[in-house]
Amino acid sequence: MAEKIYRAMTLSERKKIQKLLEEGKSFCYIGGVLGRSHTSISNEVKRVGGDPRFYEAEKAQEIVGNSRKAASKTAFKAKMEKKNAKNK
C-alpha cells in the first residue's frame, strides 16, 4: 500500500475552497476539484470557524501560519531545555 504524504494547503487552494463554497459546492465536490479528500476540506473549514458560509482564505492562511509558528517555538524551546539539561 502506498504511503500517504501530507501536503499543507496552499493559499491558492484556500482561495479555490472559498470560491467554491460561495458557489454552494459540497466538500466532496471541492475535494474532487483539488485532488483531496472531502474530510480534508471539512477539517480546513472547521479550523477557521466551522461555518462554510463565512470561510475566508486569507484568514485561514493566517491562522495556520500562526499555529505553525507557535508549534515551531514550542519544539525549539523543548530542544533547548533538553540540551541545557544535558550540559548540567
N, C-alpha and C. Protein backbone atom coordinates (compact mmCIF):
# COMPACT_ATOMS: atom_id res chain seq x y z
N MET A 1 0.84 -1.18 0.00
CA MET A 1 0.00 0.00 0.00
C MET A 1 0.89 1.25 0.00
N ALA A 2 0.52 2.23 -0.77
CA ALA A 2 1.31 3.45 -0.88
C ALA A 2 1.20 4.27 0.40
N GLU A 3 2.31 4.88 0.76
CA GLU A 3 2.35 5.71 1.95
C GLU A 3 1.70 7.05 1.64
N LYS A 4 0.85 7.53 2.55
CA LYS A 4 0.21 8.83 2.36
C LYS A 4 1.21 9.92 2.71
N ILE A 5 1.21 10.95 1.92
CA ILE A 5 2.10 12.07 2.14
C ILE A 5 1.24 13.30 2.45
N TYR A 6 1.51 13.93 3.57
CA TYR A 6 0.78 15.12 3.96
C TYR A 6 1.29 16.32 3.17
N ARG A 7 0.37 17.05 2.60
CA ARG A 7 0.69 18.31 1.93
C ARG A 7 -0.16 19.41 2.57
N ALA A 8 0.48 20.44 3.01
CA ALA A 8 -0.25 21.56 3.59
C ALA A 8 -1.05 22.26 2.49
N MET A 9 -2.19 22.81 2.86
CA MET A 9 -2.99 23.58 1.91
C MET A 9 -2.24 24.85 1.55
N THR A 10 -2.31 25.19 0.30
CA THR A 10 -1.69 26.43 -0.15
C THR A 10 -2.73 27.54 -0.13
N LEU A 11 -2.28 28.77 -0.21
CA LEU A 11 -3.21 29.90 -0.28
C LEU A 11 -4.08 29.78 -1.53
N SER A 12 -3.50 29.34 -2.62
CA SER A 12 -4.25 29.16 -3.86
C SER A 12 -5.39 28.16 -3.67
N GLU A 13 -5.10 27.05 -2.99
CA GLU A 13 -6.15 26.05 -2.73
C GLU A 13 -7.22 26.64 -1.82
N ARG A 14 -6.80 27.40 -0.83
CA ARG A 14 -7.76 28.00 0.09
C ARG A 14 -8.67 28.99 -0.65
N LYS A 15 -8.11 29.72 -1.59
CA LYS A 15 -8.93 30.65 -2.38
C LYS A 15 -9.94 29.89 -3.24
N LYS A 16 -9.53 28.74 -3.79
CA LYS A 16 -10.47 27.91 -4.56
C LYS A 16 -11.57 27.38 -3.66
N ILE A 17 -11.20 26.96 -2.45
CA ILE A 17 -12.20 26.48 -1.49
C ILE A 17 -13.21 27.59 -1.22
N GLN A 18 -12.71 28.79 -0.95
CA GLN A 18 -13.60 29.92 -0.66
C GLN A 18 -14.55 30.17 -1.82
N LYS A 19 -14.01 30.22 -3.02
CA LYS A 19 -14.83 30.49 -4.22
C LYS A 19 -15.90 29.41 -4.40
N LEU A 20 -15.50 28.15 -4.27
CA LEU A 20 -16.45 27.06 -4.48
C LEU A 20 -17.50 26.99 -3.37
N LEU A 21 -17.11 27.32 -2.14
CA LEU A 21 -18.09 27.38 -1.06
C LEU A 21 -19.10 28.50 -1.32
N GLU A 22 -18.62 29.63 -1.82
CA GLU A 22 -19.51 30.75 -2.14
C GLU A 22 -20.50 30.35 -3.23
N GLU A 23 -20.09 29.42 -4.10
CA GLU A 23 -20.97 28.92 -5.17
C GLU A 23 -21.89 27.81 -4.67
N GLY A 24 -21.74 27.44 -3.39
CA GLY A 24 -22.61 26.43 -2.80
C GLY A 24 -22.19 24.99 -3.06
N LYS A 25 -20.94 24.79 -3.46
CA LYS A 25 -20.45 23.44 -3.76
C LYS A 25 -20.21 22.67 -2.46
N SER A 26 -20.31 21.35 -2.54
CA SER A 26 -20.12 20.48 -1.37
C SER A 26 -18.64 20.22 -1.12
N PHE A 27 -18.35 19.73 0.09
CA PHE A 27 -16.98 19.36 0.43
C PHE A 27 -16.48 18.26 -0.51
N CYS A 28 -17.37 17.32 -0.85
CA CYS A 28 -16.98 16.23 -1.76
C CYS A 28 -16.59 16.79 -3.13
N TYR A 29 -17.39 17.72 -3.63
CA TYR A 29 -17.11 18.32 -4.93
C TYR A 29 -15.77 19.07 -4.89
N ILE A 30 -15.59 19.89 -3.86
CA ILE A 30 -14.37 20.68 -3.72
C ILE A 30 -13.15 19.76 -3.60
N GLY A 31 -13.28 18.71 -2.81
CA GLY A 31 -12.20 17.74 -2.67
C GLY A 31 -11.81 17.15 -4.01
N GLY A 32 -12.80 16.82 -4.83
CA GLY A 32 -12.53 16.27 -6.16
C GLY A 32 -11.79 17.25 -7.04
N VAL A 33 -12.19 18.51 -6.99
CA VAL A 33 -11.54 19.55 -7.79
C VAL A 33 -10.08 19.72 -7.38
N LEU A 34 -9.82 19.67 -6.07
CA LEU A 34 -8.47 19.91 -5.56
C LEU A 34 -7.62 18.65 -5.45
N GLY A 35 -8.23 17.50 -5.67
CA GLY A 35 -7.50 16.25 -5.53
C GLY A 35 -7.21 15.91 -4.07
N ARG A 36 -8.14 16.26 -3.21
CA ARG A 36 -8.03 16.00 -1.77
C ARG A 36 -9.31 15.34 -1.30
N SER A 37 -9.25 14.75 -0.11
CA SER A 37 -10.46 14.11 0.41
C SER A 37 -11.44 15.17 0.92
N HIS A 38 -12.72 14.78 0.95
CA HIS A 38 -13.72 15.70 1.47
C HIS A 38 -13.47 15.99 2.95
N THR A 39 -12.85 15.04 3.65
CA THR A 39 -12.53 15.24 5.07
C THR A 39 -11.49 16.34 5.24
N SER A 40 -10.53 16.40 4.34
CA SER A 40 -9.52 17.46 4.40
C SER A 40 -10.17 18.83 4.24
N ILE A 41 -11.14 18.91 3.34
CA ILE A 41 -11.84 20.18 3.12
C ILE A 41 -12.66 20.54 4.36
N SER A 42 -13.36 19.56 4.90
CA SER A 42 -14.16 19.78 6.10
C SER A 42 -13.29 20.25 7.26
N ASN A 43 -12.17 19.57 7.47
CA ASN A 43 -11.25 19.95 8.55
C ASN A 43 -10.71 21.36 8.36
N GLU A 44 -10.42 21.71 7.12
CA GLU A 44 -9.92 23.05 6.82
C GLU A 44 -10.95 24.10 7.21
N VAL A 45 -12.21 23.87 6.85
CA VAL A 45 -13.28 24.82 7.16
C VAL A 45 -13.49 24.90 8.68
N LYS A 46 -13.48 23.76 9.35
CA LYS A 46 -13.65 23.74 10.82
C LYS A 46 -12.55 24.52 11.51
N ARG A 47 -11.34 24.42 11.00
CA ARG A 47 -10.18 25.08 11.61
C ARG A 47 -10.37 26.59 11.66
N VAL A 48 -11.14 27.12 10.72
CA VAL A 48 -11.28 28.57 10.61
C VAL A 48 -12.59 29.09 11.22
N GLY A 49 -13.38 28.21 11.79
CA GLY A 49 -14.60 28.68 12.43
C GLY A 49 -15.77 27.75 12.24
N GLY A 50 -15.71 26.91 11.23
CA GLY A 50 -16.71 25.87 11.08
C GLY A 50 -17.86 26.14 10.15
N ASP A 51 -18.19 27.39 9.90
CA ASP A 51 -19.33 27.68 9.04
C ASP A 51 -18.85 27.95 7.61
N PRO A 52 -19.19 27.06 6.67
CA PRO A 52 -18.73 27.23 5.30
C PRO A 52 -19.16 28.54 4.65
N ARG A 53 -20.25 29.12 5.14
CA ARG A 53 -20.73 30.38 4.55
C ARG A 53 -19.77 31.54 4.82
N PHE A 54 -18.94 31.39 5.86
CA PHE A 54 -18.08 32.50 6.26
C PHE A 54 -16.59 32.18 6.13
N TYR A 55 -16.26 31.14 5.38
CA TYR A 55 -14.86 30.75 5.20
C TYR A 55 -14.11 31.83 4.43
N GLU A 56 -12.95 32.23 4.94
CA GLU A 56 -12.11 33.23 4.27
C GLU A 56 -10.70 32.67 4.10
N ALA A 57 -10.24 32.61 2.87
CA ALA A 57 -8.94 32.03 2.55
C ALA A 57 -7.80 32.75 3.27
N GLU A 58 -7.80 34.05 3.25
CA GLU A 58 -6.72 34.83 3.87
C GLU A 58 -6.67 34.60 5.38
N LYS A 59 -7.84 34.55 6.00
CA LYS A 59 -7.92 34.30 7.44
C LYS A 59 -7.39 32.90 7.76
N ALA A 60 -7.77 31.94 6.94
CA ALA A 60 -7.32 30.56 7.14
C ALA A 60 -5.80 30.47 7.04
N GLN A 61 -5.23 31.15 6.06
CA GLN A 61 -3.78 31.14 5.87
C GLN A 61 -3.08 31.75 7.08
N GLU A 62 -3.64 32.83 7.60
CA GLU A 62 -3.06 33.49 8.78
C GLU A 62 -3.13 32.59 10.01
N ILE A 63 -4.26 31.93 10.21
CA ILE A 63 -4.43 31.04 11.36
C ILE A 63 -3.43 29.90 11.30
N VAL A 64 -3.29 29.29 10.15
CA VAL A 64 -2.36 28.17 10.00
C VAL A 64 -0.92 28.65 10.19
N GLY A 65 -0.59 29.80 9.65
CA GLY A 65 0.75 30.35 9.82
C GLY A 65 1.08 30.59 11.27
N ASN A 66 0.12 31.12 12.02
CA ASN A 66 0.33 31.37 13.45
C ASN A 66 0.47 30.07 14.22
N SER A 67 -0.30 29.05 13.84
CA SER A 67 -0.21 27.75 14.51
C SER A 67 1.16 27.13 14.28
N ARG A 68 1.65 27.23 13.07
CA ARG A 68 2.97 26.66 12.76
C ARG A 68 4.08 27.38 13.51
N LYS A 69 3.97 28.70 13.61
CA LYS A 69 4.98 29.46 14.35
C LYS A 69 4.99 29.04 15.82
N ALA A 70 3.80 28.91 16.40
CA ALA A 70 3.70 28.53 17.81
C ALA A 70 4.27 27.13 18.02
N ALA A 71 3.96 26.21 17.13
CA ALA A 71 4.47 24.84 17.25
C ALA A 71 5.98 24.81 17.12
N SER A 72 6.49 25.62 16.21
CA SER A 72 7.93 25.68 16.00
C SER A 72 8.64 26.23 17.24
N LYS A 73 8.08 27.27 17.85
CA LYS A 73 8.66 27.85 19.06
C LYS A 73 8.64 26.84 20.20
N THR A 74 7.56 26.10 20.34
CA THR A 74 7.44 25.09 21.39
C THR A 74 8.48 24.00 21.21
N ALA A 75 8.63 23.53 19.97
CA ALA A 75 9.61 22.48 19.68
C ALA A 75 11.03 22.98 19.95
N PHE A 76 11.31 24.23 19.56
CA PHE A 76 12.64 24.80 19.78
C PHE A 76 12.93 24.93 21.27
N LYS A 77 11.93 25.39 22.03
CA LYS A 77 12.09 25.55 23.48
C LYS A 77 12.38 24.20 24.14
N ALA A 78 11.64 23.17 23.74
CA ALA A 78 11.85 21.83 24.31
C ALA A 78 13.24 21.32 23.97
N LYS A 79 13.69 21.56 22.77
CA LYS A 79 15.02 21.12 22.34
C LYS A 79 16.10 21.82 23.16
N MET A 80 15.93 23.11 23.40
CA MET A 80 16.91 23.86 24.17
C MET A 80 16.92 23.41 25.63
N GLU A 81 15.76 23.13 26.20
CA GLU A 81 15.70 22.66 27.58
C GLU A 81 16.40 21.31 27.72
N LYS A 82 16.21 20.44 26.75
CA LYS A 82 16.86 19.13 26.75
C LYS A 82 18.37 19.30 26.65
N LYS A 83 18.81 20.20 25.80
CA LYS A 83 20.24 20.46 25.61
C LYS A 83 20.84 21.02 26.91
N ASN A 84 20.14 21.96 27.54
CA ASN A 84 20.62 22.55 28.79
C ASN A 84 20.68 21.53 29.91
N ALA A 85 19.74 20.62 29.95
CA ALA A 85 19.71 19.57 30.98
C ALA A 85 20.92 18.64 30.80
N LYS A 86 21.30 18.37 29.58
CA LYS A 86 22.48 17.52 29.30
C LYS A 86 23.76 18.19 29.78
N ASN A 87 23.84 19.49 29.61
CA ASN A 87 25.05 20.24 29.94
C ASN A 87 25.24 20.47 31.43
N LYS A 88 24.26 20.17 32.24
CA LYS A 88 24.36 20.41 33.69
C LYS A 88 25.09 19.31 34.38
